[in-house]
N, C-alpha and C. Protein backbone atom coordinates (compact mmCIF):
# COMPACT_ATOMS: atom_id res chain seq x y z
N MET A 1 0.64 -0.93 -0.07
CA MET A 1 -0.13 -0.23 0.30
C MET A 1 1.00 0.95 0.08
N LYS A 2 2.01 1.22 0.78
CA LYS A 2 2.65 2.87 0.81
C LYS A 2 3.55 2.94 -0.43
N PHE A 3 3.67 1.82 -1.03
CA PHE A 3 4.57 1.55 -2.21
C PHE A 3 3.38 2.32 -3.24
N ALA A 4 2.92 2.14 -2.85
CA ALA A 4 1.40 2.32 -4.10
C ALA A 4 1.17 3.77 -4.35
N ILE A 5 1.13 4.41 -2.99
CA ILE A 5 1.00 6.03 -2.73
C ILE A 5 2.35 6.18 -2.96
N ARG A 6 3.39 6.23 -2.75
CA ARG A 6 4.76 6.76 -3.07
C ARG A 6 5.01 6.62 -4.62
N LEU A 7 4.68 5.29 -5.61
CA LEU A 7 4.54 5.53 -6.76
C LEU A 7 3.53 6.80 -7.06
N ALA A 8 2.44 6.82 -6.80
CA ALA A 8 1.18 8.05 -7.00
C ALA A 8 1.79 9.26 -6.83
N ALA A 9 2.42 9.42 -5.90
CA ALA A 9 3.00 11.14 -5.62
C ALA A 9 4.11 10.86 -6.43
N MET A 10 4.84 10.12 -6.77
CA MET A 10 6.09 10.13 -7.90
C MET A 10 5.48 10.63 -9.29
N LEU A 11 4.35 10.10 -9.25
CA LEU A 11 4.38 9.91 -10.73
C LEU A 11 3.22 11.60 -10.90
N PHE A 12 2.82 11.86 -9.76
CA PHE A 12 1.97 12.90 -9.65
C PHE A 12 3.50 14.12 -10.39
N VAL A 13 4.36 13.85 -8.82
CA VAL A 13 5.51 14.91 -9.18
C VAL A 13 5.71 14.87 -10.44
N ALA A 14 6.09 13.56 -11.03
CA ALA A 14 6.89 13.90 -12.46
C ALA A 14 5.84 14.55 -13.40
N SER A 15 4.44 14.53 -13.37
CA SER A 15 3.50 15.14 -14.21
C SER A 15 3.67 16.54 -14.36
N LEU A 16 4.28 17.28 -13.05
CA LEU A 16 4.15 18.45 -13.26
C LEU A 16 5.28 19.53 -14.02
N GLY A 17 6.20 18.45 -14.39
CA GLY A 17 6.99 18.86 -15.33
C GLY A 17 6.11 19.28 -16.41
N PHE A 18 5.07 17.86 -16.88
CA PHE A 18 4.86 18.12 -18.52
C PHE A 18 3.66 18.83 -18.55
N PHE A 19 2.93 19.33 -16.80
CA PHE A 19 1.24 20.19 -17.16
C PHE A 19 1.96 21.03 -16.23
N GLY A 20 2.46 21.19 -15.33
CA GLY A 20 2.91 22.51 -15.38
C GLY A 20 2.07 22.43 -13.43
N LEU A 21 2.71 23.25 -12.58
CA LEU A 21 2.17 22.90 -11.79
C LEU A 21 0.92 23.61 -11.22
N PRO A 22 0.14 23.40 -10.48
CA PRO A 22 -1.62 23.60 -10.65
C PRO A 22 -1.35 25.04 -9.39
N SER A 23 -2.16 25.62 -10.10
CA SER A 23 -2.47 27.27 -9.35
C SER A 23 -2.19 26.94 -8.01
N THR A 24 -1.50 27.64 -7.02
CA THR A 24 -1.84 27.52 -5.40
C THR A 24 -3.40 28.17 -5.29
N ALA A 25 -3.98 27.89 -3.90
CA ALA A 25 -4.92 28.24 -3.50
C ALA A 25 -4.84 30.18 -2.86
N LEU A 26 -5.82 30.43 -3.21
CA LEU A 26 -5.87 31.67 -2.34
C LEU A 26 -7.27 32.00 -2.02
N ALA A 27 -7.35 32.22 -0.65
CA ALA A 27 -8.20 32.36 0.02
C ALA A 27 -9.63 33.67 -0.38
N GLU A 28 -8.68 34.80 -1.01
CA GLU A 28 -9.18 35.92 -1.40
C GLU A 28 -9.78 35.77 -2.81
N GLU A 29 -9.67 34.55 -3.59
CA GLU A 29 -10.83 34.00 -4.77
C GLU A 29 -11.14 33.27 -4.55
N VAL A 30 -12.23 33.16 -5.83
CA VAL A 30 -13.44 31.78 -5.38
C VAL A 30 -13.22 31.64 -7.07
N ARG A 31 -12.69 30.20 -7.24
CA ARG A 31 -12.61 29.93 -8.71
C ARG A 31 -13.59 29.56 -9.32
N ASP A 32 -13.77 29.65 -10.42
CA ASP A 32 -15.10 28.87 -11.05
C ASP A 32 -14.57 27.65 -11.96
N CYS A 33 -15.26 26.56 -11.44
CA CYS A 33 -14.49 25.44 -11.85
C CYS A 33 -15.54 24.64 -12.96
N THR A 34 -16.51 25.49 -12.95
CA THR A 34 -17.47 24.85 -14.11
C THR A 34 -17.10 23.88 -14.80
N ASN A 35 -16.04 24.33 -16.06
CA ASN A 35 -15.37 23.77 -17.00
C ASN A 35 -14.02 23.03 -16.42
N GLY A 36 -14.12 22.70 -15.17
CA GLY A 36 -12.72 21.77 -15.01
C GLY A 36 -12.04 22.69 -13.94
N CYS A 37 -11.25 22.49 -12.82
CA CYS A 37 -9.87 23.23 -12.61
C CYS A 37 -9.15 22.04 -11.83
N THR A 38 -7.84 22.66 -11.79
CA THR A 38 -6.90 22.08 -10.56
C THR A 38 -6.52 23.03 -9.43
N ILE A 39 -6.66 22.81 -8.02
CA ILE A 39 -6.48 23.71 -6.87
C ILE A 39 -5.31 22.94 -6.61
N ALA A 40 -4.25 23.54 -5.68
CA ALA A 40 -3.43 23.19 -4.68
C ALA A 40 -3.40 24.01 -3.55
N THR A 41 -3.57 23.11 -2.36
CA THR A 41 -3.56 23.98 -0.59
C THR A 41 -2.54 23.03 -0.33
N CYS A 42 -1.65 23.90 0.39
CA CYS A 42 -0.83 23.54 1.25
C CYS A 42 -0.78 23.98 2.54
N ASN A 43 -0.23 22.89 3.54
CA ASN A 43 0.41 23.98 4.96
C ASN A 43 1.98 23.46 4.70
N ALA A 44 2.26 23.45 6.00
CA ALA A 44 3.64 23.57 6.62
C ALA A 44 4.28 22.30 5.95
N GLN A 45 3.83 21.08 6.14
CA GLN A 45 4.30 19.76 5.75
C GLN A 45 3.76 19.45 3.94
N ILE A 46 2.36 19.14 3.72
CA ILE A 46 2.41 18.61 2.71
C ILE A 46 1.25 19.69 1.68
N CYS A 47 0.99 19.26 0.73
CA CYS A 47 0.33 19.62 -0.49
C CYS A 47 -1.18 18.72 -0.56
N THR A 48 -2.34 19.22 -1.02
CA THR A 48 -3.02 18.48 -1.66
C THR A 48 -3.89 18.98 -2.90
N VAL A 49 -3.91 18.01 -3.95
CA VAL A 49 -4.40 18.64 -5.72
C VAL A 49 -5.79 18.47 -5.16
N TRP A 50 -6.59 19.58 -5.72
CA TRP A 50 -7.70 18.72 -6.04
C TRP A 50 -8.42 18.94 -7.37
N TYR A 51 -9.14 18.42 -8.11
CA TYR A 51 -9.90 18.37 -9.18
C TYR A 51 -11.39 18.76 -8.89
N CYS A 52 -12.06 19.82 -9.47
CA CYS A 52 -12.95 19.77 -9.94
C CYS A 52 -13.72 20.51 -11.00
N ASP A 53 -15.04 20.17 -11.17
CA ASP A 53 -16.07 20.29 -12.58
C ASP A 53 -17.27 20.12 -12.02
N GLY A 54 -17.86 20.48 -13.28
CA GLY A 54 -19.35 20.85 -12.62
C GLY A 54 -20.00 19.47 -12.53
N ALA A 55 -19.46 18.23 -13.53
CA ALA A 55 -20.13 17.29 -13.46
C ALA A 55 -19.70 16.32 -12.30
N SER A 56 -19.06 16.32 -11.42
CA SER A 56 -18.90 15.86 -10.27
C SER A 56 -18.13 16.91 -9.01
N GLY A 57 -17.95 17.81 -9.25
CA GLY A 57 -17.68 18.68 -7.92
C GLY A 57 -16.27 18.55 -7.59
N CYS A 58 -16.14 18.50 -6.66
CA CYS A 58 -14.47 18.68 -6.00
C CYS A 58 -14.18 16.74 -5.60
N LYS A 59 -12.91 17.15 -6.21
CA LYS A 59 -12.39 15.33 -5.80
C LYS A 59 -10.72 15.69 -4.96
N MET A 60 -9.97 15.06 -4.56
CA MET A 60 -9.00 15.31 -3.83
C MET A 60 -8.30 14.30 -4.63
N MET A 61 -7.38 14.30 -5.51
CA MET A 61 -6.89 13.65 -6.57
C MET A 61 -5.21 13.38 -5.88
N ALA A 62 -3.94 13.97 -5.10
CA ALA A 62 -3.06 13.23 -4.17
C ALA A 62 -2.84 14.68 -3.65
N THR A 63 -1.55 14.33 -2.68
CA THR A 63 -1.25 14.59 -1.62
C THR A 63 -0.19 14.45 -1.78
N TYR A 64 1.16 15.27 -1.31
CA TYR A 64 2.33 14.90 -1.70
C TYR A 64 3.21 16.16 -0.60
N PRO A 65 5.02 15.88 -0.31
CA PRO A 65 5.01 16.42 0.50
C PRO A 65 5.44 17.81 0.21
N ASN A 66 5.51 19.09 0.82
CA ASN A 66 5.45 20.14 0.69
C ASN A 66 6.71 20.45 0.40
N PRO A 67 6.94 20.70 -1.07
CA PRO A 67 8.47 20.67 -1.57
C PRO A 67 9.50 22.19 -0.94
N ARG A 68 8.46 22.63 -0.08
CA ARG A 68 9.59 23.97 0.43
C ARG A 68 9.83 23.52 1.73
N VAL A 69 9.35 22.43 2.34
CA VAL A 69 9.80 21.87 3.96
C VAL A 69 10.89 20.25 3.74
N LYS A 70 11.90 20.34 4.14
CA LYS A 70 13.23 19.10 3.95
C LYS A 70 12.32 17.92 4.83
N GLU A 71 12.58 16.89 4.30
CA GLU A 71 11.71 15.34 4.50
C GLU A 71 12.08 15.09 5.77
N LYS A 72 13.46 15.55 6.37
CA LYS A 72 13.21 14.85 7.34
C LYS A 72 12.84 15.82 9.16
N ALA A 73 12.42 17.31 8.56
CA ALA A 73 11.68 17.71 9.56
C ALA A 73 10.09 17.49 9.41
N MET A 74 9.63 16.34 9.10
CA MET A 74 8.02 15.94 8.47
C MET A 74 7.75 15.28 9.42
N PRO A 75 6.68 15.74 10.34
CA PRO A 75 5.87 14.50 11.36
C PRO A 75 5.38 13.72 10.80
N ASP A 76 4.74 12.45 11.20
CA ASP A 76 3.81 11.59 10.62
C ASP A 76 2.80 12.30 10.23
N ARG A 77 2.08 10.93 9.42
CA ARG A 77 0.99 11.01 8.86
C ARG A 77 -0.41 11.90 9.84
N GLY A 78 -0.41 11.33 10.85
CA GLY A 78 -1.75 11.68 11.48
C GLY A 78 -0.87 13.06 12.10
N THR A 79 0.14 14.18 12.44
CA THR A 79 0.05 15.26 12.64
C THR A 79 -0.34 16.01 10.99
N ILE A 80 0.02 15.64 10.01
CA ILE A 80 -0.27 16.47 9.20
C ILE A 80 -1.25 17.02 8.60
N LEU A 81 -2.41 15.48 8.94
CA LEU A 81 -3.70 15.53 8.63
C LEU A 81 -4.64 16.48 9.38
N GLY A 82 -4.05 16.77 10.81
CA GLY A 82 -4.89 17.50 12.04
C GLY A 82 -4.58 18.96 11.90
N ALA A 83 -3.64 19.38 10.48
CA ALA A 83 -2.59 20.58 10.90
C ALA A 83 -3.76 21.64 9.50
N THR A 84 -3.40 22.62 9.95
CA THR A 84 -4.35 23.61 9.16
C THR A 84 -3.67 24.69 8.34
N GLY A 85 -4.14 24.74 7.29
CA GLY A 85 -3.14 25.44 6.10
C GLY A 85 -4.37 26.47 5.43
N GLU A 86 -3.65 26.61 3.85
CA GLU A 86 -4.13 27.30 3.01
C GLU A 86 -6.07 26.79 2.81
N VAL A 87 -6.50 27.77 2.94
CA VAL A 87 -7.86 27.63 2.45
C VAL A 87 -8.36 27.99 0.73
N ALA A 88 -9.40 27.08 -0.27
CA ALA A 88 -9.38 27.54 -1.17
C ALA A 88 -11.14 27.21 -1.74
N TYR A 89 -11.05 28.40 -2.50
CA TYR A 89 -12.75 28.49 -2.60
C TYR A 89 -13.19 28.16 -3.87
N ALA A 90 -13.97 26.83 -4.78
CA ALA A 90 -14.41 26.49 -5.86
C ALA A 90 -15.90 27.09 -5.70
N LYS A 91 -16.06 27.35 -7.06
CA LYS A 91 -17.52 27.00 -7.07
C LYS A 91 -18.04 26.11 -8.84
N VAL A 92 -19.02 25.48 -8.74
CA VAL A 92 -18.98 25.18 -9.60
C VAL A 92 -21.09 24.93 -10.34
N CYS A 93 -21.37 25.40 -11.21
CA CYS A 93 -22.69 25.98 -11.67
C CYS A 93 -23.58 24.97 -12.94
N PRO A 94 -23.31 23.78 -12.19
CA PRO A 94 -24.22 23.06 -13.47
C PRO A 94 -25.53 24.09 -14.04
N ALA A 95 -25.37 23.63 -15.58
CA ALA A 95 -26.88 24.34 -16.12
C ALA A 95 -28.27 24.31 -15.32
N ARG A 96 -28.44 25.08 -15.17
CA ARG A 96 -29.89 25.45 -15.00
C ARG A 96 -30.56 25.21 -13.14
N LYS A 97 -29.04 25.00 -12.90
CA LYS A 97 -28.90 25.04 -11.81
C LYS A 97 -28.25 26.34 -10.51
N SER A 98 -28.27 26.30 -9.23
CA SER A 98 -27.64 27.05 -8.20
C SER A 98 -26.26 26.92 -8.04
N CYS A 99 -24.78 27.29 -7.93
CA CYS A 99 -23.81 26.92 -7.78
C CYS A 99 -23.47 26.71 -6.57
N ASP A 100 -22.67 25.12 -6.71
CA ASP A 100 -22.28 24.92 -5.54
C ASP A 100 -21.08 25.05 -5.52
N LEU A 101 -20.98 25.57 -3.91
CA LEU A 101 -19.65 26.64 -3.39
C LEU A 101 -18.87 25.11 -2.42
N TYR A 102 -17.87 24.91 -2.90
CA TYR A 102 -16.63 23.86 -1.69
C TYR A 102 -15.48 24.86 -1.22
N GLU A 103 -15.20 24.43 0.03
CA GLU A 103 -14.02 24.73 0.84
C GLU A 103 -12.98 23.79 0.74
N LEU A 104 -11.99 23.89 0.35
CA LEU A 104 -11.10 22.85 0.31
C LEU A 104 -9.93 23.57 0.70
N ARG A 105 -9.38 22.04 1.67
CA ARG A 105 -8.24 22.33 2.44
C ARG A 105 -7.53 21.14 2.47
N VAL A 106 -6.30 21.14 3.21
CA VAL A 106 -5.39 20.38 2.80
C VAL A 106 -5.84 18.78 3.51
N ASN A 107 -6.48 18.88 4.28
CA ASN A 107 -7.00 17.79 4.26
C ASN A 107 -8.69 16.97 4.31
N GLU A 108 -9.20 18.09 4.04
CA GLU A 108 -10.86 18.02 3.74
C GLU A 108 -11.27 19.02 2.48
N GLY A 109 -12.62 18.52 1.59
CA GLY A 109 -12.98 19.38 0.80
C GLY A 109 -14.64 19.56 1.20
N ILE A 110 -14.97 20.49 1.69
CA ILE A 110 -16.44 20.36 2.18
C ILE A 110 -17.50 21.20 1.33
N ASN A 111 -18.35 20.34 0.48
CA ASN A 111 -19.35 20.81 0.09
C ASN A 111 -20.40 21.84 0.97
N LEU A 112 -20.30 23.42 0.60
CA LEU A 112 -20.82 24.03 1.15
C LEU A 112 -22.37 24.63 1.60
N GLY A 113 -22.84 23.72 -0.09
CA GLY A 113 -24.30 23.95 -0.40
C GLY A 113 -24.31 24.66 -1.90
N SER A 114 -25.86 25.09 -2.11
CA SER A 114 -25.81 25.37 -3.36
C SER A 114 -26.50 26.75 -3.22
N PHE A 115 -25.95 27.79 -3.86
CA PHE A 115 -26.04 29.59 -3.20
C PHE A 115 -26.45 29.93 -5.08
N ASP A 116 -26.94 30.68 -4.60
CA ASP A 116 -26.99 32.38 -6.30
C ASP A 116 -26.34 32.85 -5.24
N ASN A 117 -25.70 34.01 -4.46
CA ASN A 117 -24.97 34.62 -4.06
C ASN A 117 -23.69 33.66 -3.63
N ILE A 118 -22.75 33.63 -3.89
CA ILE A 118 -21.51 32.71 -3.63
C ILE A 118 -20.35 33.88 -2.89
N ASP A 119 -20.41 35.34 -3.04
CA ASP A 119 -19.60 35.83 -2.46
C ASP A 119 -20.04 36.59 -0.66
N ASP A 120 -21.17 36.66 -0.80
CA ASP A 120 -21.94 36.51 0.75
C ASP A 120 -21.16 35.18 1.75
N ILE A 121 -21.28 34.14 1.14
CA ILE A 121 -21.39 33.22 1.81
C ILE A 121 -19.32 32.63 1.90
N VAL A 122 -19.00 33.17 1.37
CA VAL A 122 -17.20 33.40 1.61
C VAL A 122 -16.71 34.10 2.32
N GLU A 123 -17.26 35.07 1.87
CA GLU A 123 -16.93 36.35 3.34
C GLU A 123 -17.40 36.01 4.83
N TYR A 124 -18.48 35.55 4.64
CA TYR A 124 -18.66 34.46 6.06
C TYR A 124 -17.98 33.69 6.74
N ARG A 125 -17.95 33.04 5.43
CA ARG A 125 -16.45 31.69 5.86
C ARG A 125 -15.34 32.01 6.33
N LYS A 126 -14.91 33.28 5.70
CA LYS A 126 -13.51 33.75 5.81
C LYS A 126 -13.42 34.49 7.52
N SER A 127 -14.94 34.86 7.82
CA SER A 127 -14.75 35.83 9.31
C SER A 127 -14.58 34.37 10.38
N GLN A 128 -15.12 33.48 10.43
CA GLN A 128 -15.05 32.59 10.58
C GLN A 128 -13.66 31.25 10.78
N ILE A 129 -12.66 31.26 9.90
CA ILE A 129 -10.91 31.19 10.01
C ILE A 129 -10.38 31.25 10.89
N ASP A 130 -10.09 30.37 11.90
CA ASP A 130 -8.72 30.55 12.72
C ASP A 130 -9.31 32.23 13.45
């Protein structure tokens, strides 16, 4: 199992050279991912790549060690998943429906629901963060 996870992480990192780095998460920006987008969120130890689109919402694709941290300084996986880090917001707007809003963090993606006015919800969520 560990081998498969490491292999997937290595393939992902190798694909970054071909496809380019995913855009970094910006809490101030709500990304419109109706037609598909890739978002990366990071904390001090790891990064998570999310893929969002109008057909399936947002799904975690891979996690990998934060390249800005030396591997020897990384704590065990349980500590990593509990840490807070960047927060990103993605909206997907299927045809003839309200937009779904997702809050993406390193360790979880939350569907906040369907809304007509995404900006008000994002401002409220930002005020609740730490």
